[in-house]
């Protein structure tokens, strides 16, 4: 439970750190927040005895980010704008994870989330979970394109307020709002707690088709 809490806390602190660096005029050092976050995840991976390849990959990324930070400070200040890349990659990857489950023969990802803590799976949720998977795919694809556009054309402060503040709030609002809606429309089924969903999301088997 403690490790799960840390894994949830690390990205939140990273986003806050990057945002504060940028809005208070220290954007040059924002890469260090990313390096620290990946480094901590590497340590957690080692402590929990995850695969050696995972630990080495995270360590390599952390070292690479540290090198980029040093390069940005000492040689190429514009390299600091690389902090705009992770949100594009993350949104894009999650959008792909959702979208690929909409292909023929695949189980929609939201249906899988629901199935993992419901046995048997309620037939009333079949169409609903597919539509919700479509909604998340469209939203995350839009956030990917917006993140990329703002990273290239917007001022760092504008990018940070949009990507680090507005976009997470949009996702949280959809997440909580959808659970509230589901709890009303499908209240006879039960099991619509956001906490239960978060526990499901934190389980590795959730993201592996079965």
N, C-alpha and C. Protein backbone atom coordinates (compact mmCIF):
# COMPACT_ATOMS: atom_id res chain seq x y z
N UNK A 1 0.82 -1.21 0.00
CA UNK A 1 0.00 0.00 0.00
C UNK A 1 0.86 1.26 0.00
N UNK A 2 1.95 1.23 0.78
CA UNK A 2 2.84 2.39 0.85
C UNK A 2 3.49 2.65 -0.50
N UNK A 3 3.96 1.56 -1.14
CA UNK A 3 4.60 1.71 -2.45
C UNK A 3 3.62 2.19 -3.50
N UNK A 4 2.38 1.70 -3.43
CA UNK A 4 1.36 2.18 -4.38
C UNK A 4 1.09 3.66 -4.18
N UNK A 5 1.04 4.09 -2.93
CA UNK A 5 0.83 5.51 -2.64
C UNK A 5 1.98 6.35 -3.18
N UNK A 6 3.21 5.83 -3.03
CA UNK A 6 4.37 6.55 -3.55
C UNK A 6 4.31 6.68 -5.07
N UNK A 7 3.90 5.59 -5.72
CA UNK A 7 3.83 5.62 -7.19
C UNK A 7 2.78 6.61 -7.68
N UNK A 8 1.73 6.82 -6.89
CA UNK A 8 0.74 7.83 -7.24
C UNK A 8 1.25 9.23 -6.93
N UNK A 9 2.01 9.35 -5.85
CA UNK A 9 2.48 10.66 -5.40
C UNK A 9 3.60 11.21 -6.28
N UNK A 10 4.46 10.34 -6.79
CA UNK A 10 5.61 10.77 -7.58
C UNK A 10 5.20 11.59 -8.80
N UNK A 11 4.26 11.11 -9.65
CA UNK A 11 3.89 11.94 -10.81
C UNK A 11 3.25 13.26 -10.42
N UNK A 12 2.47 13.27 -9.32
CA UNK A 12 1.86 14.52 -8.88
C UNK A 12 2.92 15.54 -8.47
N UNK A 13 3.90 15.08 -7.71
CA UNK A 13 4.98 15.97 -7.28
C UNK A 13 5.84 16.41 -8.46
N UNK A 14 6.01 15.51 -9.43
CA UNK A 14 6.79 15.86 -10.62
C UNK A 14 6.12 16.96 -11.41
N UNK A 15 4.81 16.80 -11.63
CA UNK A 15 4.05 17.82 -12.37
C UNK A 15 4.12 19.16 -11.63
N UNK A 16 3.93 19.11 -10.30
CA UNK A 16 3.98 20.34 -9.51
C UNK A 16 5.37 20.98 -9.59
N UNK A 17 6.40 20.15 -9.52
CA UNK A 17 7.77 20.68 -9.59
C UNK A 17 8.07 21.34 -10.91
N UNK A 18 7.69 20.69 -12.01
CA UNK A 18 7.92 21.26 -13.34
C UNK A 18 7.16 22.57 -13.49
N UNK A 19 5.91 22.58 -13.06
CA UNK A 19 5.09 23.79 -13.18
C UNK A 19 5.68 24.94 -12.38
N UNK A 20 6.06 24.69 -11.15
CA UNK A 20 6.62 25.75 -10.30
C UNK A 20 7.94 26.27 -10.87
N UNK A 21 8.77 25.38 -11.38
CA UNK A 21 10.02 25.82 -12.01
C UNK A 21 9.75 26.79 -13.15
N UNK A 22 8.76 26.45 -13.97
CA UNK A 22 8.49 27.26 -15.16
C UNK A 22 7.85 28.60 -14.80
N UNK A 23 6.81 28.60 -13.98
CA UNK A 23 6.08 29.84 -13.71
C UNK A 23 6.88 30.80 -12.83
N UNK A 24 7.86 30.29 -12.09
CA UNK A 24 8.67 31.16 -11.24
C UNK A 24 10.02 31.48 -11.87
N UNK A 25 10.16 31.20 -13.16
CA UNK A 25 11.35 31.63 -13.88
C UNK A 25 12.55 30.70 -13.80
N UNK A 26 12.33 29.47 -13.36
CA UNK A 26 13.43 28.50 -13.27
C UNK A 26 13.21 27.33 -14.23
N UNK A 27 12.59 27.63 -15.37
CA UNK A 27 12.28 26.58 -16.33
C UNK A 27 13.50 25.82 -16.82
N UNK A 28 14.66 26.47 -16.76
CA UNK A 28 15.90 25.84 -17.19
C UNK A 28 16.19 24.57 -16.39
N UNK A 29 15.65 24.52 -15.16
CA UNK A 29 15.95 23.40 -14.27
C UNK A 29 14.79 22.39 -14.17
N UNK A 30 13.78 22.54 -15.01
CA UNK A 30 12.61 21.66 -14.93
C UNK A 30 12.96 20.21 -15.26
N UNK A 31 13.97 20.02 -16.10
CA UNK A 31 14.34 18.64 -16.46
C UNK A 31 14.76 17.85 -15.22
N UNK A 32 15.33 18.55 -14.24
CA UNK A 32 15.79 17.85 -13.03
C UNK A 32 14.63 17.19 -12.29
N UNK A 33 13.42 17.77 -12.39
CA UNK A 33 12.24 17.15 -11.77
C UNK A 33 11.94 15.81 -12.42
N UNK A 34 12.06 15.76 -13.75
CA UNK A 34 11.83 14.51 -14.47
C UNK A 34 12.89 13.48 -14.11
N UNK A 35 14.15 13.94 -14.05
CA UNK A 35 15.25 13.02 -13.72
C UNK A 35 15.06 12.43 -12.32
N UNK A 36 14.67 13.28 -11.37
CA UNK A 36 14.46 12.80 -9.99
C UNK A 36 13.32 11.79 -9.93
N UNK A 37 12.23 12.07 -10.65
CA UNK A 37 11.07 11.17 -10.64
C UNK A 37 11.44 9.79 -11.19
N UNK A 38 12.13 9.78 -12.33
CA UNK A 38 12.52 8.50 -12.93
C UNK A 38 13.52 7.77 -12.02
N UNK A 39 14.43 8.54 -11.41
CA UNK A 39 15.40 7.93 -10.51
C UNK A 39 14.74 7.27 -9.31
N UNK A 40 13.75 7.94 -8.74
CA UNK A 40 13.02 7.36 -7.60
C UNK A 40 12.29 6.09 -8.02
N UNK A 41 11.69 6.13 -9.21
CA UNK A 41 11.01 4.93 -9.71
C UNK A 41 11.99 3.78 -9.93
N UNK A 42 13.21 4.10 -10.35
CA UNK A 42 14.23 3.08 -10.52
C UNK A 42 14.57 2.43 -9.18
N UNK A 43 14.68 3.26 -8.13
CA UNK A 43 14.96 2.74 -6.80
C UNK A 43 13.81 1.85 -6.32
N UNK A 44 12.57 2.32 -6.52
CA UNK A 44 11.42 1.51 -6.12
C UNK A 44 11.37 0.19 -6.87
N UNK A 45 11.70 0.23 -8.15
CA UNK A 45 11.71 -1.00 -8.94
C UNK A 45 12.75 -1.98 -8.40
N UNK A 46 13.92 -1.46 -7.99
CA UNK A 46 14.96 -2.32 -7.44
C UNK A 46 14.53 -2.89 -6.09
N UNK A 47 13.89 -2.05 -5.26
CA UNK A 47 13.47 -2.49 -3.93
C UNK A 47 12.39 -3.56 -4.01
N UNK A 48 11.53 -3.47 -5.02
CA UNK A 48 10.45 -4.44 -5.17
C UNK A 48 10.85 -5.62 -6.06
N UNK A 49 12.15 -5.69 -6.37
CA UNK A 49 12.72 -6.81 -7.13
C UNK A 49 12.03 -7.01 -8.49
N UNK A 50 11.80 -5.90 -9.18
CA UNK A 50 11.27 -6.01 -10.53
C UNK A 50 12.38 -6.49 -11.47
N UNK A 51 12.00 -6.81 -12.69
CA UNK A 51 12.95 -7.35 -13.65
C UNK A 51 14.16 -6.44 -13.80
N UNK A 52 15.32 -7.05 -13.95
CA UNK A 52 16.57 -6.29 -14.07
C UNK A 52 16.50 -5.30 -15.24
N UNK A 53 15.85 -5.73 -16.33
CA UNK A 53 15.73 -4.85 -17.50
C UNK A 53 14.96 -3.58 -17.16
N UNK A 54 13.92 -3.70 -16.32
CA UNK A 54 13.13 -2.53 -15.93
C UNK A 54 13.99 -1.56 -15.12
N UNK A 55 14.73 -2.10 -14.15
CA UNK A 55 15.59 -1.26 -13.31
C UNK A 55 16.65 -0.55 -14.15
N UNK A 56 17.28 -1.30 -15.05
CA UNK A 56 18.33 -0.72 -15.89
C UNK A 56 17.78 0.33 -16.84
N UNK A 57 16.60 0.07 -17.38
CA UNK A 57 15.98 1.04 -18.29
C UNK A 57 15.67 2.34 -17.58
N UNK A 58 15.04 2.24 -16.41
CA UNK A 58 14.71 3.45 -15.63
C UNK A 58 15.98 4.19 -15.22
N UNK A 59 16.99 3.44 -14.82
CA UNK A 59 18.26 4.07 -14.43
C UNK A 59 18.88 4.80 -15.62
N UNK A 60 18.85 4.16 -16.78
CA UNK A 60 19.40 4.79 -17.98
C UNK A 60 18.66 6.07 -18.36
N UNK A 61 17.33 6.03 -18.24
CA UNK A 61 16.54 7.23 -18.55
C UNK A 61 16.87 8.36 -17.57
N UNK A 62 16.98 8.01 -16.28
CA UNK A 62 17.29 9.02 -15.26
C UNK A 62 18.65 9.65 -15.53
N UNK A 63 19.64 8.82 -15.87
CA UNK A 63 20.98 9.34 -16.17
C UNK A 63 20.93 10.22 -17.42
N UNK A 64 20.20 9.76 -18.44
CA UNK A 64 20.07 10.55 -19.66
C UNK A 64 19.45 11.91 -19.41
N UNK A 65 18.40 11.95 -18.59
CA UNK A 65 17.77 13.22 -18.25
C UNK A 65 18.71 14.12 -17.46
N UNK A 66 19.50 13.51 -16.58
CA UNK A 66 20.47 14.30 -15.81
C UNK A 66 21.50 14.93 -16.74
N UNK A 67 21.94 14.17 -17.74
CA UNK A 67 22.90 14.70 -18.71
C UNK A 67 22.27 15.84 -19.51
N UNK A 68 21.01 15.67 -19.90
CA UNK A 68 20.31 16.74 -20.62
C UNK A 68 20.19 17.99 -19.76
N UNK A 69 19.92 17.81 -18.47
CA UNK A 69 19.81 18.95 -17.56
C UNK A 69 21.14 19.70 -17.48
N UNK A 70 22.22 18.98 -17.34
CA UNK A 70 23.54 19.62 -17.28
C UNK A 70 23.86 20.33 -18.59
N UNK A 71 23.51 19.69 -19.70
CA UNK A 71 23.74 20.30 -21.01
C UNK A 71 22.94 21.58 -21.17
N UNK A 72 21.68 21.55 -20.71
CA UNK A 72 20.82 22.73 -20.82
C UNK A 72 21.37 23.89 -20.00
N UNK A 73 21.89 23.60 -18.83
CA UNK A 73 22.41 24.65 -17.95
C UNK A 73 23.72 25.22 -18.46
N UNK A 74 24.60 24.36 -18.97
CA UNK A 74 25.96 24.78 -19.30
C UNK A 74 26.18 25.13 -20.77
N UNK A 75 25.37 24.50 -21.67
CA UNK A 75 25.69 24.65 -23.09
C UNK A 75 24.52 25.15 -23.94
N UNK A 76 23.39 24.42 -23.89
CA UNK A 76 22.26 24.73 -24.80
C UNK A 76 21.00 24.98 -23.99
N UNK A 77 20.74 26.21 -23.57
CA UNK A 77 19.56 26.50 -22.74
C UNK A 77 18.24 26.07 -23.38
N UNK A 78 18.13 26.15 -24.71
CA UNK A 78 16.87 25.80 -25.38
C UNK A 78 16.51 24.33 -25.20
N UNK A 79 17.49 23.51 -24.81
CA UNK A 79 17.22 22.09 -24.61
C UNK A 79 16.26 21.88 -23.45
N UNK A 80 16.12 22.90 -22.59
CA UNK A 80 15.20 22.78 -21.44
C UNK A 80 13.77 22.56 -21.90
N UNK A 81 13.46 22.94 -23.15
CA UNK A 81 12.10 22.76 -23.65
C UNK A 81 11.75 21.29 -23.88
N UNK A 82 12.72 20.41 -23.67
CA UNK A 82 12.43 18.98 -23.82
C UNK A 82 11.41 18.51 -22.79
N UNK A 83 11.18 19.32 -21.73
CA UNK A 83 10.16 18.94 -20.73
C UNK A 83 8.78 18.88 -21.36
N UNK A 84 8.63 19.47 -22.55
CA UNK A 84 7.33 19.43 -23.23
C UNK A 84 7.07 18.08 -23.89
N UNK A 85 8.11 17.26 -24.01
CA UNK A 85 7.96 15.97 -24.71
C UNK A 85 7.24 14.89 -23.90
N UNK A 86 7.56 14.70 -22.60
CA UNK A 86 6.89 13.62 -21.85
C UNK A 86 5.37 13.64 -21.88
N UNK A 87 4.70 14.81 -21.72
CA UNK A 87 3.23 14.78 -21.78
C UNK A 87 2.70 14.29 -23.13
N UNK A 88 3.41 14.62 -24.20
CA UNK A 88 2.99 14.15 -25.53
C UNK A 88 3.11 12.62 -25.59
N UNK A 89 4.23 12.11 -25.12
CA UNK A 89 4.46 10.66 -25.16
C UNK A 89 3.49 9.92 -24.25
N UNK A 90 3.25 10.47 -23.05
CA UNK A 90 2.37 9.79 -22.09
C UNK A 90 0.93 9.79 -22.58
N UNK A 91 0.43 10.97 -22.98
CA UNK A 91 -0.95 11.03 -23.50
C UNK A 91 -1.10 10.15 -24.73
N UNK A 92 -0.10 10.19 -25.60
CA UNK A 92 -0.18 9.40 -26.82
C UNK A 92 -0.18 7.91 -26.54
N UNK A 93 0.68 7.49 -25.58
CA UNK A 93 0.75 6.07 -25.25
C UNK A 93 -0.56 5.58 -24.63
N UNK A 94 -1.12 6.36 -23.70
CA UNK A 94 -2.37 5.95 -23.06
C UNK A 94 -3.53 5.96 -24.06
N UNK A 95 -3.53 6.94 -24.97
CA UNK A 95 -4.56 6.97 -26.01
C UNK A 95 -4.47 5.72 -26.87
N UNK A 96 -3.25 5.30 -27.20
CA UNK A 96 -3.06 4.08 -27.98
C UNK A 96 -3.51 2.86 -27.20
N UNK A 97 -3.21 2.82 -25.90
CA UNK A 97 -3.63 1.69 -25.07
C UNK A 97 -5.15 1.55 -25.06
N UNK A 98 -5.86 2.69 -25.00
CA UNK A 98 -7.32 2.66 -25.04
C UNK A 98 -7.81 2.31 -26.44
N UNK A 99 -7.27 3.01 -27.43
CA UNK A 99 -7.77 2.88 -28.79
C UNK A 99 -7.59 1.50 -29.38
N UNK A 100 -6.48 0.85 -29.10
CA UNK A 100 -6.23 -0.47 -29.70
C UNK A 100 -7.21 -1.52 -29.20
N UNK A 101 -7.80 -1.29 -28.02
CA UNK A 101 -8.77 -2.27 -27.49
C UNK A 101 -10.14 -2.12 -28.14
N UNK A 102 -10.28 -1.13 -29.01
CA UNK A 102 -11.54 -0.96 -29.75
C UNK A 102 -11.53 -1.70 -31.08
N UNK A 103 -10.39 -2.27 -31.42
CA UNK A 103 -10.29 -3.01 -32.68
C UNK A 103 -11.10 -4.31 -32.60
N UNK A 104 -11.53 -4.84 -33.75
CA UNK A 104 -12.30 -6.09 -33.76
C UNK A 104 -11.56 -7.21 -33.02
N UNK A 105 -12.30 -7.94 -32.21
CA UNK A 105 -11.73 -9.06 -31.48
C UNK A 105 -11.06 -8.69 -30.17
N UNK A 106 -11.00 -7.38 -29.86
CA UNK A 106 -10.37 -6.91 -28.62
C UNK A 106 -11.44 -6.56 -27.58
N UNK A 107 -11.05 -6.63 -26.32
CA UNK A 107 -11.95 -6.23 -25.24
C UNK A 107 -11.71 -4.77 -24.89
N UNK A 108 -12.74 -3.91 -24.99
CA UNK A 108 -12.56 -2.49 -24.63
C UNK A 108 -11.93 -2.35 -23.24
N UNK A 109 -10.98 -1.44 -23.13
CA UNK A 109 -10.19 -1.35 -21.91
C UNK A 109 -11.04 -1.06 -20.68
N UNK A 110 -12.06 -0.20 -20.79
CA UNK A 110 -12.91 0.09 -19.64
C UNK A 110 -13.69 -1.17 -19.23
N UNK A 111 -14.07 -1.98 -20.20
CA UNK A 111 -14.75 -3.23 -19.86
C UNK A 111 -13.83 -4.14 -19.06
N UNK A 112 -12.55 -4.17 -19.45
CA UNK A 112 -11.59 -4.98 -18.71
C UNK A 112 -11.44 -4.47 -17.28
N UNK A 113 -11.38 -3.14 -17.12
CA UNK A 113 -11.30 -2.58 -15.77
C UNK A 113 -12.47 -3.08 -14.92
N UNK A 114 -13.67 -2.99 -15.50
CA UNK A 114 -14.87 -3.38 -14.76
C UNK A 114 -14.92 -4.87 -14.49
N UNK A 115 -14.51 -5.66 -15.48
CA UNK A 115 -14.56 -7.12 -15.34
C UNK A 115 -13.65 -7.63 -14.22
N UNK A 116 -12.53 -6.95 -14.02
CA UNK A 116 -11.56 -7.43 -13.05
C UNK A 116 -12.05 -7.35 -11.61
N UNK A 117 -13.06 -6.51 -11.35
CA UNK A 117 -13.61 -6.49 -9.98
C UNK A 117 -15.10 -6.78 -9.95
N UNK A 118 -15.58 -7.40 -11.05
CA UNK A 118 -16.98 -7.85 -11.07
C UNK A 118 -17.04 -9.25 -11.68
N UNK A 119 -17.66 -10.17 -10.98
CA UNK A 119 -17.82 -11.52 -11.50
C UNK A 119 -19.18 -12.06 -11.08
N UNK A 120 -20.10 -12.26 -12.04
CA UNK A 120 -19.92 -12.08 -13.48
C UNK A 120 -20.04 -10.61 -13.89
N UNK A 121 -19.62 -10.33 -15.13
CA UNK A 121 -19.69 -8.96 -15.65
C UNK A 121 -21.13 -8.65 -16.04
N UNK A 122 -21.69 -7.54 -15.54
CA UNK A 122 -23.10 -7.19 -15.84
C UNK A 122 -23.29 -6.87 -17.33
N UNK A 123 -24.23 -7.51 -17.99
CA UNK A 123 -24.45 -7.23 -19.42
C UNK A 123 -24.87 -5.80 -19.69
N UNK A 124 -25.48 -5.13 -18.68
CA UNK A 124 -25.90 -3.73 -18.86
C UNK A 124 -24.72 -2.80 -19.14
N UNK A 125 -23.52 -3.23 -18.76
CA UNK A 125 -22.34 -2.37 -18.92
C UNK A 125 -21.59 -2.62 -20.22
N UNK A 126 -22.04 -3.56 -21.03
CA UNK A 126 -21.34 -3.89 -22.27
C UNK A 126 -21.18 -2.67 -23.17
N UNK A 127 -22.30 -2.11 -23.59
CA UNK A 127 -22.26 -0.96 -24.49
C UNK A 127 -21.67 0.27 -23.82
N UNK A 128 -22.01 0.45 -22.53
CA UNK A 128 -21.54 1.62 -21.81
C UNK A 128 -20.01 1.65 -21.71
N UNK A 129 -19.40 0.52 -21.36
CA UNK A 129 -17.95 0.50 -21.20
C UNK A 129 -17.24 0.71 -22.54
N UNK A 130 -17.84 0.23 -23.63
CA UNK A 130 -17.23 0.46 -24.95
C UNK A 130 -17.29 1.94 -25.31
N UNK A 131 -18.46 2.56 -25.09
CA UNK A 131 -18.60 3.99 -25.40
C UNK A 131 -17.65 4.82 -24.55
N UNK A 132 -17.48 4.43 -23.30
CA UNK A 132 -16.59 5.17 -22.42
C UNK A 132 -15.14 5.02 -22.87
N UNK A 133 -14.78 3.85 -23.37
CA UNK A 133 -13.44 3.65 -23.91
C UNK A 133 -13.21 4.55 -25.11
N UNK A 134 -14.24 4.71 -25.95
CA UNK A 134 -14.15 5.61 -27.10
C UNK A 134 -13.94 7.05 -26.63
N UNK A 135 -14.69 7.47 -25.61
CA UNK A 135 -14.57 8.83 -25.09
C UNK A 135 -13.16 9.10 -24.59
N UNK A 136 -12.61 8.17 -23.81
CA UNK A 136 -11.25 8.36 -23.29
C UNK A 136 -10.22 8.37 -24.42
N UNK A 137 -10.44 7.55 -25.44
CA UNK A 137 -9.52 7.53 -26.58
C UNK A 137 -9.50 8.87 -27.30
N UNK A 138 -10.69 9.43 -27.53
CA UNK A 138 -10.80 10.73 -28.21
C UNK A 138 -10.18 11.82 -27.35
N UNK A 139 -10.50 11.83 -26.05
CA UNK A 139 -9.97 12.87 -25.17
C UNK A 139 -8.44 12.82 -25.13
N UNK A 140 -7.89 11.63 -24.90
CA UNK A 140 -6.44 11.51 -24.78
C UNK A 140 -5.72 11.81 -26.10
N UNK A 141 -6.35 11.48 -27.22
CA UNK A 141 -5.77 11.83 -28.52
C UNK A 141 -5.75 13.34 -28.69
N UNK A 142 -6.83 13.99 -28.27
CA UNK A 142 -6.88 15.45 -28.33
C UNK A 142 -5.83 16.09 -27.44
N UNK A 143 -5.65 15.54 -26.25
CA UNK A 143 -4.64 16.07 -25.33
C UNK A 143 -3.23 15.87 -25.89
N UNK A 144 -3.02 14.77 -26.59
CA UNK A 144 -1.72 14.52 -27.21
C UNK A 144 -1.40 15.60 -28.24
N UNK A 145 -2.35 15.86 -29.13
CA UNK A 145 -2.13 16.86 -30.18
C UNK A 145 -1.99 18.26 -29.59
N UNK A 146 -2.81 18.56 -28.59
CA UNK A 146 -2.73 19.87 -27.95
C UNK A 146 -1.40 20.07 -27.24
N UNK A 147 -0.94 19.03 -26.52
CA UNK A 147 0.35 19.10 -25.83
C UNK A 147 1.48 19.37 -26.82
N UNK A 148 1.42 18.66 -27.96
CA UNK A 148 2.46 18.83 -28.97
C UNK A 148 2.44 20.25 -29.54
N UNK A 149 1.25 20.74 -29.87
CA UNK A 149 1.14 22.08 -30.42
C UNK A 149 1.60 23.16 -29.46
N UNK A 150 1.18 23.06 -28.21
CA UNK A 150 1.59 24.04 -27.22
C UNK A 150 3.09 23.97 -26.95
N UNK A 151 3.64 22.76 -26.97
CA UNK A 151 5.07 22.60 -26.73
C UNK A 151 5.91 23.28 -27.79
N UNK A 152 5.38 23.33 -29.00
CA UNK A 152 6.13 23.94 -30.11
C UNK A 152 5.88 25.44 -30.22
N UNK A 153 4.61 25.87 -30.07
CA UNK A 153 4.25 27.24 -30.40
C UNK A 153 3.98 28.15 -29.20
N UNK A 154 3.66 27.59 -28.03
CA UNK A 154 3.25 28.44 -26.90
C UNK A 154 4.44 28.84 -26.03
N UNK A 155 4.25 29.92 -25.28
CA UNK A 155 5.24 30.31 -24.28
C UNK A 155 5.29 29.24 -23.19
N UNK A 156 6.44 29.04 -22.56
CA UNK A 156 6.55 27.99 -21.53
C UNK A 156 5.49 28.11 -20.44
N UNK A 157 5.19 29.34 -20.00
CA UNK A 157 4.20 29.51 -18.94
C UNK A 157 2.82 29.07 -19.40
N UNK A 158 2.46 29.43 -20.63
CA UNK A 158 1.17 29.03 -21.19
C UNK A 158 1.09 27.51 -21.32
N UNK A 159 2.17 26.93 -21.83
CA UNK A 159 2.23 25.47 -21.96
C UNK A 159 2.04 24.80 -20.61
N UNK A 160 2.71 25.30 -19.59
CA UNK A 160 2.65 24.66 -18.28
C UNK A 160 1.26 24.74 -17.66
N UNK A 161 0.63 25.91 -17.74
CA UNK A 161 -0.72 26.03 -17.17
C UNK A 161 -1.70 25.10 -17.88
N UNK A 162 -1.54 24.97 -19.20
CA UNK A 162 -2.45 24.11 -19.96
C UNK A 162 -2.18 22.63 -19.72
N UNK A 163 -0.90 22.25 -19.82
CA UNK A 163 -0.54 20.83 -19.78
C UNK A 163 -0.45 20.29 -18.35
N UNK A 164 0.14 21.07 -17.45
CA UNK A 164 0.37 20.58 -16.09
C UNK A 164 -0.80 20.83 -15.13
N UNK A 165 -1.66 21.77 -15.47
CA UNK A 165 -2.78 22.10 -14.58
C UNK A 165 -4.13 21.75 -15.23
N UNK A 166 -4.41 22.36 -16.39
CA UNK A 166 -5.74 22.19 -17.00
C UNK A 166 -5.99 20.74 -17.44
N UNK A 167 -5.02 20.13 -18.10
CA UNK A 167 -5.25 18.78 -18.62
C UNK A 167 -5.47 17.74 -17.52
N UNK A 168 -4.67 17.73 -16.45
CA UNK A 168 -4.98 16.80 -15.36
C UNK A 168 -6.36 17.04 -14.75
N UNK A 169 -6.75 18.33 -14.63
CA UNK A 169 -8.07 18.64 -14.08
C UNK A 169 -9.18 18.12 -14.99
N UNK A 170 -8.97 18.21 -16.30
CA UNK A 170 -9.96 17.69 -17.24
C UNK A 170 -10.11 16.18 -17.06
N UNK A 171 -8.98 15.48 -16.95
CA UNK A 171 -9.03 14.02 -16.80
C UNK A 171 -9.66 13.62 -15.47
N UNK A 172 -9.30 14.32 -14.40
CA UNK A 172 -9.88 14.02 -13.09
C UNK A 172 -11.37 14.29 -13.09
N UNK A 173 -11.78 15.39 -13.74
CA UNK A 173 -13.20 15.72 -13.80
C UNK A 173 -14.00 14.65 -14.53
N UNK A 174 -13.46 14.17 -15.66
CA UNK A 174 -14.14 13.11 -16.40
C UNK A 174 -14.18 11.83 -15.56
N UNK A 175 -13.08 11.50 -14.92
CA UNK A 175 -12.99 10.28 -14.11
C UNK A 175 -14.03 10.31 -12.98
N UNK A 176 -14.05 11.39 -12.21
CA UNK A 176 -14.98 11.48 -11.08
C UNK A 176 -16.42 11.66 -11.54
N UNK A 177 -16.60 12.49 -12.58
CA UNK A 177 -17.95 12.73 -13.09
C UNK A 177 -18.57 11.47 -13.66
N UNK A 178 -17.77 10.68 -14.36
CA UNK A 178 -18.28 9.43 -14.93
C UNK A 178 -18.66 8.45 -13.84
N UNK A 179 -17.86 8.39 -12.77
CA UNK A 179 -18.20 7.48 -11.67
C UNK A 179 -19.50 7.91 -10.98
N UNK A 180 -19.67 9.23 -10.84
CA UNK A 180 -20.90 9.72 -10.23
C UNK A 180 -22.10 9.38 -11.11
N UNK A 181 -21.96 9.58 -12.42
CA UNK A 181 -23.04 9.27 -13.36
C UNK A 181 -23.35 7.78 -13.33
N UNK A 182 -22.31 6.95 -13.36
CA UNK A 182 -22.51 5.50 -13.34
C UNK A 182 -23.18 5.05 -12.04
N UNK A 183 -22.80 5.71 -10.95
CA UNK A 183 -23.40 5.35 -9.67
C UNK A 183 -24.89 5.64 -9.60
N UNK A 184 -25.34 6.61 -10.41
CA UNK A 184 -26.77 6.94 -10.45
C UNK A 184 -27.51 6.04 -11.44
N UNK A 185 -26.97 5.95 -12.66
CA UNK A 185 -27.66 5.21 -13.72
C UNK A 185 -27.62 3.70 -13.47
N UNK A 186 -26.49 3.21 -12.92
CA UNK A 186 -26.35 1.77 -12.69
C UNK A 186 -26.21 1.48 -11.20
N UNK A 187 -26.94 2.22 -10.39
CA UNK A 187 -26.80 2.05 -8.94
C UNK A 187 -27.22 0.66 -8.47
N UNK A 188 -28.08 -0.01 -9.26
CA UNK A 188 -28.51 -1.35 -8.87
C UNK A 188 -27.39 -2.39 -9.00
N UNK A 189 -26.32 -2.02 -9.72
CA UNK A 189 -25.20 -2.94 -9.90
C UNK A 189 -24.19 -2.81 -8.76
N UNK A 190 -23.92 -1.56 -8.36
CA UNK A 190 -22.96 -1.31 -7.30
C UNK A 190 -21.52 -1.42 -7.78
N UNK A 191 -20.57 -1.14 -6.87
CA UNK A 191 -19.15 -1.26 -7.21
C UNK A 191 -18.63 -0.16 -8.10
N UNK A 192 -19.14 1.08 -7.92
CA UNK A 192 -18.74 2.19 -8.79
C UNK A 192 -17.79 3.17 -8.09
N UNK A 193 -17.11 2.73 -7.06
CA UNK A 193 -16.23 3.62 -6.30
C UNK A 193 -14.97 3.97 -7.08
N UNK A 194 -14.58 5.25 -7.14
CA UNK A 194 -13.32 5.64 -7.79
C UNK A 194 -12.12 4.98 -7.11
N UNK A 195 -12.21 4.73 -5.81
CA UNK A 195 -11.11 4.09 -5.08
C UNK A 195 -10.88 2.67 -5.61
N UNK A 196 -12.00 1.94 -5.83
CA UNK A 196 -11.90 0.58 -6.36
C UNK A 196 -11.26 0.62 -7.75
N UNK A 197 -11.68 1.59 -8.57
CA UNK A 197 -11.11 1.71 -9.91
C UNK A 197 -9.62 2.00 -9.86
N UNK A 198 -9.21 2.89 -8.95
CA UNK A 198 -7.79 3.22 -8.82
C UNK A 198 -6.97 1.99 -8.41
N UNK A 199 -7.51 1.19 -7.53
CA UNK A 199 -6.81 -0.04 -7.15
C UNK A 199 -6.66 -0.96 -8.34
N UNK A 200 -7.70 -1.03 -9.16
CA UNK A 200 -7.64 -1.86 -10.37
C UNK A 200 -6.58 -1.33 -11.32
N UNK A 201 -6.52 0.00 -11.47
CA UNK A 201 -5.55 0.61 -12.39
C UNK A 201 -4.12 0.38 -11.94
N UNK A 202 -3.92 0.26 -10.63
CA UNK A 202 -2.57 0.07 -10.10
C UNK A 202 -2.08 -1.38 -10.23
N UNK A 203 -2.98 -2.27 -10.63
CA UNK A 203 -2.59 -3.68 -10.77
C UNK A 203 -2.01 -3.93 -12.16
N UNK A 204 -0.81 -4.52 -12.25
CA UNK A 204 -0.19 -4.77 -13.56
C UNK A 204 -1.06 -5.60 -14.50
N UNK A 205 -1.83 -6.56 -13.95
CA UNK A 205 -2.62 -7.45 -14.81
C UNK A 205 -3.72 -6.69 -15.53
N UNK A 206 -4.06 -5.50 -15.03
CA UNK A 206 -5.09 -4.69 -15.67
C UNK A 206 -4.71 -4.34 -17.09
N UNK A 207 -3.42 -4.13 -17.31
CA UNK A 207 -2.96 -3.64 -18.60
C UNK A 207 -2.49 -4.77 -19.52
N UNK A 208 -2.71 -5.99 -19.08
CA UNK A 208 -2.33 -7.14 -19.89
C UNK A 208 -3.58 -7.91 -20.29
N UNK A 209 -3.82 -8.02 -21.55
CA UNK A 209 -5.03 -8.69 -22.03
C UNK A 209 -5.05 -10.13 -21.55
N UNK A 210 -6.25 -10.59 -21.13
CA UNK A 210 -6.38 -11.97 -20.70
C UNK A 210 -7.66 -12.56 -21.27
